[in-house]
Amino acid sequence: MARSIGADYVIDYTQEDCTRTGQKYDLILAVNGYHPIWAYRRALSPTGIYVMAGVSKDHIFQALLQAMLLGPVISRAGGQKMSFFLAKPNQKDLMYVKELLETGKVVPVIDRRYSLRETAEALRYLDEGHARGKVVITAEHNNHT
């Protein structure tokens, strides 16, 4: 199980397939949109909610099409809700997130850190699709006057 950011249970999709555990979940927040929408539906409780908040680059068209077209149909057909989330950040929301981070109410999971000169290596690591948290690029500050 991966480290949680406020959830009761987090599944690392690289280690376990949430659609095949036999568990029923009240909420599935799919940050990779890796499985077909029907597989996520099967893993939901009768009144569960599925939200696609991110998409694997290998499945982007399939996942978006399913979430936009099939999600509303499935939602109307029963107690389960299927949707997707596209963020449109604004100043108020960003300030709220800043406060959550500064107070420690939300702690980001950082997988790896790279220096600015290691950016190409960081991008290769991300492209492999196995990051288990955020990948951070740090910029070194040189004070040359």
Protein backbone atom coordinates (compact mmCIF):
# COMPACT_ATOMS: atom_id res chain seq x y z
CA MET A 1 0.00 0.00 0.00
CA ALA A 2 1.30 3.46 -0.90
CA ARG A 3 1.53 6.40 1.46
CA SER A 4 -1.82 8.15 1.79
CA ILE A 5 -2.67 11.81 1.26
CA GLY A 6 -5.85 11.77 3.36
CA ALA A 7 -7.44 8.62 1.92
CA ASP A 8 -8.23 5.56 4.04
CA TYR A 9 -6.61 3.28 1.49
CA VAL A 10 -4.35 3.98 -1.48
CA ILE A 11 -3.41 1.41 -4.09
CA ASP A 12 -0.17 1.66 -6.00
CA TYR A 13 -1.27 0.70 -9.51
CA THR A 14 2.24 -0.62 -10.28
CA GLN A 15 1.86 -3.19 -7.49
CA GLU A 16 -1.85 -4.01 -7.39
CA ASP A 17 -4.83 -3.78 -9.74
CA CYS A 18 -7.70 -2.15 -7.84
CA THR A 19 -10.18 -3.49 -10.38
CA ARG A 20 -9.26 -7.09 -9.56
CA THR A 21 -8.91 -7.12 -5.75
CA GLY A 22 -12.50 -8.17 -5.10
CA GLN A 23 -12.85 -5.10 -2.88
CA LYS A 24 -15.67 -2.61 -3.42
CA TYR A 25 -14.68 1.02 -3.06
CA ASP A 26 -16.76 4.09 -2.22
CA LEU A 27 -14.40 6.32 -4.20
CA ILE A 28 -11.86 5.59 -6.89
CA LEU A 29 -9.73 8.58 -7.83
CA ALA A 30 -7.87 7.30 -10.87
CA VAL A 31 -4.85 9.48 -11.43
CA ASN A 32 -3.69 7.41 -14.38
CA GLY A 33 -6.92 6.33 -16.13
CA TYR A 34 -5.18 3.05 -16.88
CA HIS A 35 -8.16 0.64 -16.93
CA PRO A 36 -11.37 0.70 -18.97
CA ILE A 37 -14.26 2.49 -17.27
CA TRP A 38 -16.14 -0.85 -16.96
CA ALA A 39 -13.33 -2.29 -14.83
CA TYR A 40 -13.48 0.69 -12.47
CA ARG A 41 -17.27 0.39 -12.32
CA ARG A 42 -16.98 -3.26 -11.29
CA ALA A 43 -14.74 -2.21 -8.36
CA LEU A 44 -17.18 0.42 -7.05
CA SER A 45 -19.69 -0.08 -4.27
CA PRO A 46 -23.34 0.29 -5.40
CA THR A 47 -23.24 4.02 -4.58
CA GLY A 48 -19.53 4.50 -5.32
CA ILE A 49 -17.94 7.35 -7.20
CA TYR A 50 -15.25 7.09 -9.87
CA VAL A 51 -13.30 10.20 -10.86
CA MET A 52 -10.66 10.17 -13.56
CA ALA A 53 -8.19 12.88 -12.57
CA GLY A 54 -5.34 11.92 -14.86
CA VAL A 55 -4.63 9.81 -17.87
CA SER A 56 -1.83 7.48 -18.91
CA LYS A 57 -0.37 8.77 -22.19
CA ASP A 58 -0.83 5.27 -23.64
CA HIS A 59 -4.58 5.34 -22.93
CA ILE A 60 -5.44 9.04 -23.25
CA PHE A 61 -8.00 8.84 -26.04
CA GLN A 62 -9.71 5.70 -24.74
CA ALA A 63 -9.92 7.02 -21.16
CA LEU A 64 -11.18 10.49 -22.11
CA LEU A 65 -13.74 9.12 -24.54
CA GLN A 66 -15.06 6.63 -21.99
CA ALA A 67 -15.20 9.20 -19.18
CA MET A 68 -16.92 11.85 -21.32
CA LEU A 69 -19.33 9.59 -23.21
CA LEU A 70 -19.95 6.53 -21.06
CA GLY A 71 -19.54 8.17 -17.64
CA PRO A 72 -22.79 10.18 -17.81
CA VAL A 73 -24.71 7.19 -19.21
CA ILE A 74 -23.52 4.88 -16.41
CA SER A 75 -24.26 7.57 -13.82
CA ARG A 76 -27.87 7.94 -15.01
CA ALA A 77 -28.39 4.17 -15.03
CA GLY A 78 -27.84 3.57 -11.31
CA GLY A 79 -26.41 4.70 -7.99
CA GLN A 80 -22.80 4.85 -9.14
CA LYS A 81 -21.33 8.10 -10.38
CA MET A 82 -18.66 8.16 -13.09
CA SER A 83 -16.94 11.37 -14.14
CA PHE A 84 -13.68 13.07 -14.94
CA PHE A 85 -11.93 16.09 -13.52
CA LEU A 86 -10.16 18.83 -15.43
CA ALA A 87 -8.54 21.48 -13.26
CA LYS A 88 -8.81 25.17 -14.03
CA PRO A 89 -6.73 26.64 -11.23
CA ASN A 90 -7.43 30.15 -10.02
CA GLN A 91 -5.78 32.39 -7.42
CA LYS A 92 -8.25 31.51 -4.63
CA ASP A 93 -7.84 27.75 -5.14
CA LEU A 94 -4.05 28.01 -5.33
CA MET A 95 -3.94 30.01 -2.07
CA TYR A 96 -6.10 27.35 -0.40
CA VAL A 97 -3.77 24.57 -1.58
CA LYS A 98 -0.78 26.65 -0.40
CA GLU A 99 -2.35 26.88 3.07
CA LEU A 100 -3.00 23.12 3.18
CA LEU A 101 0.62 22.43 2.25
CA GLU A 102 2.08 24.96 4.69
CA THR A 103 0.02 23.66 7.62
CA GLY A 104 0.90 20.05 6.83
CA LYS A 105 -2.73 19.04 6.24
CA VAL A 106 -1.65 17.78 2.83
CA VAL A 107 1.79 16.25 2.43
CA PRO A 108 2.93 15.62 -1.13
CA VAL A 109 4.53 12.29 -1.86
CA ILE A 110 7.88 12.91 -3.53
CA ASP A 111 9.32 9.93 -5.37
CA ARG A 112 12.59 11.39 -6.62
CA ARG A 113 14.48 14.66 -6.80
CA TYR A 114 16.71 15.74 -9.67
CA SER A 115 18.90 18.78 -10.16
CA LEU A 116 18.20 21.07 -13.08
CA ARG A 117 21.12 19.58 -15.02
CA GLU A 118 19.53 16.10 -14.56
CA THR A 119 16.22 17.14 -16.17
CA ALA A 120 16.67 14.77 -19.13
CA GLU A 121 17.16 11.84 -16.73
CA ALA A 122 14.07 12.92 -14.74
CA LEU A 123 11.99 13.03 -17.92
CA ARG A 124 13.20 9.56 -18.91
CA TYR A 125 12.18 8.28 -15.46
CA LEU A 126 8.71 9.84 -15.81
CA ASP A 127 8.35 8.46 -19.33
CA GLU A 128 8.87 4.93 -17.96
CA GLY A 129 5.57 5.41 -16.09
CA HIS A 130 6.68 4.08 -12.73
CA ALA A 131 6.84 7.23 -10.60
CA ARG A 132 5.08 6.63 -7.27
CA GLY A 133 4.82 10.29 -6.38
CA LYS A 134 5.97 13.63 -7.64
CA VAL A 135 9.28 14.00 -9.42
CA VAL A 136 10.93 17.27 -8.40
CA ILE A 137 13.44 19.31 -10.37
CA THR A 138 15.48 21.62 -8.15
CA ALA A 139 17.18 24.71 -9.51
CA GLU A 140 20.52 25.60 -7.98
CA HIS A 141 20.98 29.30 -7.29
CA ASN A 142 24.45 30.66 -7.97
CA ASN A 143 25.08 34.20 -6.81
CA HIS A 144 27.64 35.46 -9.28
CA THR A 145 28.04 39.20 -9.06
